[in-house]
């Protein structure tokens, strides 16, 4: 992968070595390239630069992925289910932060039992045990779940607004609302 921002630009932007290395990681530079750059620009041996960078290089084990639920999805049971599905399909990911469209968020970590356990919340009063694992940085992976089917309120609004654009999919949803075949035929 070819990073968009060159290392010398990141170095000029960062005030400290820690910040420079974090930015280099965030902008997807290879650790070896950062080591060589640090050795050259700081007059260090490559071995010394390796130690300097390795101590500050963010671990992928503590990075979190971000998932945004679809507009018609909400609730902590669904958030836990989405986190468990994410962990099953992304074996290297140990932390995931799930966001609802209204701003609510829960973060989960992969427990050794394989289940998703909550480790952070948008609720500032939430209390977690002191030994609860925490993510340290964003992995750069962000996924938005698509709206797979409209919710019932959306179907009602659509029926009221433009009944002529009813698709078979929306017709099924209309049946769930209790709209009978005669009404649908009259609308079409």
C-alpha atoms as a PDB file:
ATOM      1  CA  UNK A   1       0.000   0.000   0.000  1.00  0.00           C
ATOM      2  CA  UNK A   2       1.344   3.416  -0.919  1.00  0.00           C
ATOM      3  CA  UNK A   3       0.717   5.891   1.960  1.00  0.00           C
ATOM      4  CA  UNK A   4      -0.828   9.220   0.965  1.00  0.00           C
ATOM      5  CA  UNK A   5       1.275  11.372   3.300  1.00  0.00           C
ATOM      6  CA  UNK A   6       5.090  11.124   3.114  1.00  0.00           C
ATOM      7  CA  UNK A   7       7.067  10.571   6.321  1.00  0.00           C
ATOM      8  CA  UNK A   8       8.871  13.920   6.142  1.00  0.00           C
ATOM      9  CA  UNK A   9       5.503  15.734   6.093  1.00  0.00           C
ATOM     10  CA  UNK A  10       4.332  13.782   9.144  1.00  0.00           C
ATOM     11  CA  UNK A  11       7.626  14.516  10.893  1.00  0.00           C
ATOM     12  CA  UNK A  12       7.236  18.273  10.321  1.00  0.00           C
ATOM     13  CA  UNK A  13       3.646  18.126  11.599  1.00  0.00           C
ATOM     14  CA  UNK A  14       4.385  16.145  14.798  1.00  0.00           C
ATOM     15  CA  UNK A  15       5.807  17.838  17.891  1.00  0.00           C
ATOM     16  CA  UNK A  16       7.205  14.668  19.477  1.00  0.00           C
ATOM     17  CA  UNK A  17       8.612  11.343  18.352  1.00  0.00           C
ATOM     18  CA  UNK A  18       5.628   9.510  19.915  1.00  0.00           C
ATOM     19  CA  UNK A  19       3.204  11.551  17.862  1.00  0.00           C
ATOM     20  CA  UNK A  20       5.237  11.132  14.668  1.00  0.00           C
ATOM     21  CA  UNK A  21       5.337   7.332  15.036  1.00  0.00           C
ATOM     22  CA  UNK A  22       1.620   7.161  15.849  1.00  0.00           C
ATOM     23  CA  UNK A  23       0.833   9.247  12.731  1.00  0.00           C
ATOM     24  CA  UNK A  24       3.128   7.099  10.572  1.00  0.00           C
ATOM     25  CA  UNK A  25       1.248   4.021  11.784  1.00  0.00           C
ATOM     26  CA  UNK A  26      -2.128   5.680  11.281  1.00  0.00           C
ATOM     27  CA  UNK A  27      -1.228   6.652   7.707  1.00  0.00           C
ATOM     28  CA  UNK A  28      -0.249   3.030   6.998  1.00  0.00           C
ATOM     29  CA  UNK A  29       3.519   3.376   6.663  1.00  0.00           C
ATOM     30  CA  UNK A  30       5.509   0.171   7.100  1.00  0.00           C
ATOM     31  CA  UNK A  31       7.358  -0.042  10.418  1.00  0.00           C
ATOM     32  CA  UNK A  32      10.653  -0.817   8.629  1.00  0.00           C
ATOM     33  CA  UNK A  33      10.368   2.361   6.529  1.00  0.00           C
ATOM     34  CA  UNK A  34       9.802   4.411   9.685  1.00  0.00           C
ATOM     35  CA  UNK A  35      12.863   2.812  11.341  1.00  0.00           C
ATOM     36  CA  UNK A  36      15.069   3.701   8.375  1.00  0.00           C
ATOM     37  CA  UNK A  37      13.686   7.241   8.264  1.00  0.00           C
ATOM     38  CA  UNK A  38      14.265   7.765  12.009  1.00  0.00           C
ATOM     39  CA  UNK A  39      17.813   6.352  11.756  1.00  0.00           C
ATOM     40  CA  UNK A  40      18.653   8.681   8.883  1.00  0.00           C
ATOM     41  CA  UNK A  41      17.049  11.874  10.200  1.00  0.00           C
ATOM     42  CA  UNK A  42      18.078  11.459  13.858  1.00  0.00           C
ATOM     43  CA  UNK A  43      21.636  10.199  13.212  1.00  0.00           C
ATOM     44  CA  UNK A  44      20.945   6.889  14.955  1.00  0.00           C
ATOM     45  CA  UNK A  45      22.090   3.401  14.115  1.00  0.00           C
ATOM     46  CA  UNK A  46      19.403   1.242  12.553  1.00  0.00           C
ATOM     47  CA  UNK A  47      19.429  -0.999  15.649  1.00  0.00           C
ATOM     48  CA  UNK A  48      18.885   1.985  17.962  1.00  0.00           C
ATOM     49  CA  UNK A  49      16.127   3.350  15.696  1.00  0.00           C
ATOM     50  CA  UNK A  50      14.445  -0.089  15.712  1.00  0.00           C
ATOM     51  CA  UNK A  51      14.237   0.056  19.513  1.00  0.00           C
ATOM     52  CA  UNK A  52      12.940   3.627  19.502  1.00  0.00           C
ATOM     53  CA  UNK A  53      10.213   2.853  16.958  1.00  0.00           C
ATOM     54  CA  UNK A  54       9.289  -0.571  18.381  1.00  0.00           C
ATOM     55  CA  UNK A  55       8.610   0.901  21.843  1.00  0.00           C
ATOM     56  CA  UNK A  56       6.219   3.455  20.348  1.00  0.00           C
ATOM     57  CA  UNK A  57       4.650   1.468  17.476  1.00  0.00           C
ATOM     58  CA  UNK A  58       0.949   0.817  18.236  1.00  0.00           C
ATOM     59  CA  UNK A  59       0.087  -2.830  18.630  1.00  0.00           C
ATOM     60  CA  UNK A  60      -2.625  -4.182  16.358  1.00  0.00           C
ATOM     61  CA  UNK A  61      -3.774  -6.270  19.320  1.00  0.00           C
ATOM     62  CA  UNK A  62      -5.145  -3.147  21.042  1.00  0.00           C
ATOM     63  CA  UNK A  63      -6.599  -1.390  17.980  1.00  0.00           C
ATOM     64  CA  UNK A  64     -10.367  -1.111  17.581  1.00  0.00           C
ATOM     65  CA  UNK A  65     -12.444  -1.378  14.424  1.00  0.00           C
ATOM     66  CA  UNK A  66     -15.529   0.804  14.080  1.00  0.00           C
ATOM     67  CA  UNK A  67     -18.969  -0.310  12.897  1.00  0.00           C
ATOM     68  CA  UNK A  68     -21.932   1.988  12.306  1.00  0.00           C
ATOM     69  CA  UNK A  69     -25.327   0.323  12.420  1.00  0.00           C
ATOM     70  CA  UNK A  70     -27.883   0.967   9.695  1.00  0.00           C
ATOM     71  CA  UNK A  71     -30.431   3.721  10.241  1.00  0.00           C
ATOM     72  CA  UNK A  72     -33.113   1.272  11.311  1.00  0.00           C
ATOM     73  CA  UNK A  73     -30.932  -0.772  13.685  1.00  0.00           C
ATOM     74  CA  UNK A  74     -30.516  -0.106  17.394  1.00  0.00           C
ATOM     75  CA  UNK A  75     -30.282  -1.710  20.789  1.00  0.00           C
ATOM     76  CA  UNK A  76     -27.546  -3.274  22.860  1.00  0.00           C
ATOM     77  CA  UNK A  77     -28.550  -6.905  22.066  1.00  0.00           C
ATOM     78  CA  UNK A  78     -28.086  -6.191  18.349  1.00  0.00           C
ATOM     79  CA  UNK A  79     -24.827  -4.346  19.050  1.00  0.00           C
ATOM     80  CA  UNK A  80     -23.480  -7.394  20.929  1.00  0.00           C
ATOM     81  CA  UNK A  81     -24.605  -9.698  18.092  1.00  0.00           C
ATOM     82  CA  UNK A  82     -22.875  -7.485  15.499  1.00  0.00           C
ATOM     83  CA  UNK A  83     -19.683  -7.470  17.593  1.00  0.00           C
ATOM     84  CA  UNK A  84     -19.698 -11.275  17.866  1.00  0.00           C
ATOM     85  CA  UNK A  85     -20.255 -11.617  14.109  1.00  0.00           C
ATOM     86  CA  UNK A  86     -17.402  -9.165  13.478  1.00  0.00           C
ATOM     87  CA  UNK A  87     -15.049 -11.144  15.717  1.00  0.00           C
ATOM     88  CA  UNK A  88     -15.953 -14.376  13.911  1.00  0.00           C
ATOM     89  CA  UNK A  89     -15.216 -12.886  10.494  1.00  0.00           C
ATOM     90  CA  UNK A  90     -12.165 -10.843  11.582  1.00  0.00           C
ATOM     91  CA  UNK A  91      -9.958 -13.158  13.643  1.00  0.00           C
ATOM     92  CA  UNK A  92      -7.190 -10.574  14.180  1.00  0.00           C
ATOM     93  CA  UNK A  93      -9.538  -7.949  15.599  1.00  0.00           C
ATOM     94  CA  UNK A  94      -9.811  -7.898  19.403  1.00  0.00           C
ATOM     95  CA  UNK A  95     -11.828  -4.703  19.917  1.00  0.00           C
ATOM     96  CA  UNK A  96     -14.783  -3.220  18.073  1.00  0.00           C
ATOM     97  CA  UNK A  97     -16.772  -0.057  18.681  1.00  0.00           C
ATOM     98  CA  UNK A  98     -20.414  -0.126  17.518  1.00  0.00           C
ATOM     99  CA  UNK A  99     -22.317   3.127  16.872  1.00  0.00           C
ATOM    100  CA  UNK A 100     -26.038   3.696  16.432  1.00  0.00           C
ATOM    101  CA  UNK A 101     -27.334   6.454  14.178  1.00  0.00           C
ATOM    102  CA  UNK A 102     -28.518   8.444  17.212  1.00  0.00           C
ATOM    103  CA  UNK A 103     -25.027   8.647  18.734  1.00  0.00           C
ATOM    104  CA  UNK A 104     -25.178   5.783  21.217  1.00  0.00           C
ATOM    105  CA  UNK A 105     -22.070   3.602  21.245  1.00  0.00           C
ATOM    106  CA  UNK A 106     -20.810   0.452  22.906  1.00  0.00           C
ATOM    107  CA  UNK A 107     -17.325  -1.024  22.627  1.00  0.00           C
ATOM    108  CA  UNK A 108     -16.668  -4.742  22.924  1.00  0.00           C
ATOM    109  CA  UNK A 109     -13.584  -6.879  23.349  1.00  0.00           C
ATOM    110  CA  UNK A 110     -13.031 -10.490  22.375  1.00  0.00           C
ATOM    111  CA  UNK A 111     -13.034 -12.517  25.589  1.00  0.00           C
ATOM    112  CA  UNK A 112     -10.914 -15.674  25.754  1.00  0.00           C
ATOM    113  CA  UNK A 113     -14.192 -17.658  25.734  1.00  0.00           C
ATOM    114  CA  UNK A 114     -14.884 -16.208  22.259  1.00  0.00           C
ATOM    115  CA  UNK A 115     -17.844 -14.071  23.275  1.00  0.00           C
ATOM    116  CA  UNK A 116     -18.036 -10.288  22.884  1.00  0.00           C
ATOM    117  CA  UNK A 117     -17.920  -8.475  26.223  1.00  0.00           C
ATOM    118  CA  UNK A 118     -18.656  -4.798  26.718  1.00  0.00           C
ATOM    119  CA  UNK A 119     -15.645  -2.683  27.697  1.00  0.00           C
ATOM    120  CA  UNK A 120     -16.811   0.892  27.050  1.00  0.00           C
ATOM    121  CA  UNK A 121     -20.032   2.835  26.647  1.00  0.00           C
ATOM    122  CA  UNK A 122     -21.287   6.239  25.553  1.00  0.00           C
ATOM    123  CA  UNK A 123     -22.795   6.403  29.043  1.00  0.00           C
ATOM    124  CA  UNK A 124     -20.234   8.360  31.043  1.00  0.00           C
ATOM    125  CA  UNK A 125     -21.606   6.919  34.287  1.00  0.00           C
ATOM    126  CA  UNK A 126     -21.030   3.308  33.224  1.00  0.00           C
ATOM    127  CA  UNK A 127     -18.654   1.436  35.515  1.00  0.00           C
ATOM    128  CA  UNK A 128     -16.360  -1.333  34.305  1.00  0.00           C
ATOM    129  CA  UNK A 129     -13.917  -3.409  36.361  1.00  0.00           C
ATOM    130  CA  UNK A 130     -10.400  -1.969  36.507  1.00  0.00           C
ATOM    131  CA  UNK A 131      -8.958  -5.018  34.734  1.00  0.00           C
ATOM    132  CA  UNK A 132     -11.308  -4.692  31.729  1.00  0.00           C
ATOM    133  CA  UNK A 133      -9.187  -4.682  28.542  1.00  0.00           C
ATOM    134  CA  UNK A 134      -9.196  -1.373  26.646  1.00  0.00           C
ATOM    135  CA  UNK A 135      -8.451  -0.453  23.067  1.00  0.00           C
ATOM    136  CA  UNK A 136      -5.690   2.122  22.693  1.00  0.00           C
ATOM    137  CA  UNK A 137      -6.189   3.401  19.152  1.00  0.00           C
ATOM    138  CA  UNK A 138      -8.350   3.255  16.021  1.00  0.00           C
ATOM    139  CA  UNK A 139      -7.300   0.616  13.485  1.00  0.00           C
ATOM    140  CA  UNK A 140      -8.534   2.636  10.528  1.00  0.00           C
ATOM    141  CA  UNK A 141     -11.230   0.039   9.715  1.00  0.00           C
ATOM    142  CA  UNK A 142     -14.713   1.542   9.550  1.00  0.00           C
ATOM    143  CA  UNK A 143     -17.757  -0.342   8.304  1.00  0.00           C
ATOM    144  CA  UNK A 144     -21.299   0.965   7.817  1.00  0.00           C
ATOM    145  CA  UNK A 145     -24.016  -1.650   7.796  1.00  0.00           C
ATOM    146  CA  UNK A 146     -26.505  -1.213   4.942  1.00  0.00           C
ATOM    147  CA  UNK A 147     -30.245  -0.896   5.451  1.00  0.00           C
ATOM    148  CA  UNK A 148     -31.427  -4.321   4.341  1.00  0.00           C
ATOM    149  CA  UNK A 149     -35.131  -3.660   4.656  1.00  0.00           C
ATOM    150  CA  UNK A 150     -37.120  -0.585   5.566  1.00  0.00           C
ATOM    151  CA  UNK A 151     -38.698  -0.509   8.986  1.00  0.00           C
ATOM    152  CA  UNK A 152     -42.489  -0.490   9.355  1.00  0.00           C
ATOM    153  CA  UNK A 153     -42.726   3.281   9.856  1.00  0.00           C
ATOM    154  CA  UNK A 154     -40.874   3.846   6.573  1.00  0.00           C
ATOM    155  CA  UNK A 155     -43.330   1.562   4.761  1.00  0.00           C
ATOM    156  CA  UNK A 156     -46.317   3.416   6.260  1.00  0.00           C
ATOM    157  CA  UNK A 157     -44.836   6.729   5.139  1.00  0.00           C
ATOM    158  CA  UNK A 158     -44.165   5.342   1.669  1.00  0.00           C
ATOM    159  CA  UNK A 159     -47.739   4.036   1.372  1.00  0.00           C
ATOM    160  CA  UNK A 160     -49.079   7.461   2.336  1.00  0.00           C
ATOM    161  CA  UNK A 161     -46.708   9.375   0.089  1.00  0.00           C
ATOM    162  CA  UNK A 162     -46.297   7.428  -3.168  1.00  0.00           C
ATOM    163  CA  UNK A 163     -48.318   4.241  -3.351  1.00  0.00           C
ATOM    164  CA  UNK A 164     -47.562   3.842  -7.075  1.00  0.00           C
ATOM    165  CA  UNK A 165     -43.905   2.950  -6.415  1.00  0.00           C
ATOM    166  CA  UNK A 166     -44.712  -0.100  -4.334  1.00  0.00           C
ATOM    167  CA  UNK A 167     -42.309  -2.894  -5.149  1.00  0.00           C
ATOM    168  CA  UNK A 168     -42.963  -6.536  -4.316  1.00  0.00           C
ATOM    169  CA  UNK A 169     -40.539  -6.136  -1.409  1.00  0.00           C
ATOM    170  CA  UNK A 170     -42.508  -3.212  -0.003  1.00  0.00           C
ATOM    171  CA  UNK A 171     -45.764  -5.074  -0.632  1.00  0.00           C
ATOM    172  CA  UNK A 172     -44.529  -7.818   1.717  1.00  0.00           C
ATOM    173  CA  UNK A 173     -43.823  -5.189   4.351  1.00  0.00           C
ATOM    174  CA  UNK A 174     -47.288  -3.710   3.798  1.00  0.00           C
ATOM    175  CA  UNK A 175     -48.828  -7.103   4.574  1.00  0.00           C
ATOM    176  CA  UNK A 176     -46.953  -7.045   7.897  1.00  0.00           C
ATOM    177  CA  UNK A 177     -48.645  -3.718   8.602  1.00  0.00           C
ATOM    178  CA  UNK A 178     -52.048  -5.300   8.054  1.00  0.00           C
ATOM    179  CA  UNK A 179     -52.761  -3.655   4.698  1.00  0.00           C
ATOM    180  CA  UNK A 180     -54.921  -6.168   2.825  1.00  0.00           C
ATOM    181  CA  UNK A 181     -54.694  -7.157  -0.848  1.00  0.00           C
ATOM    182  CA  UNK A 182     -57.711  -5.074  -1.898  1.00  0.00           C
ATOM    183  CA  UNK A 183     -56.129  -1.907  -0.459  1.00  0.00           C
ATOM    184  CA  UNK A 184     -52.818  -2.700  -2.177  1.00  0.00           C
ATOM    185  CA  UNK A 185     -54.602  -3.306  -5.488  1.00  0.00           C
ATOM    186  CA  UNK A 186     -56.424   0.018  -5.119  1.00  0.00           C
ATOM    187  CA  UNK A 187     -53.124   1.779  -4.449  1.00  0.00           C
ATOM    188  CA  UNK A 188     -51.241   0.232  -7.387  1.00  0.00           C
END
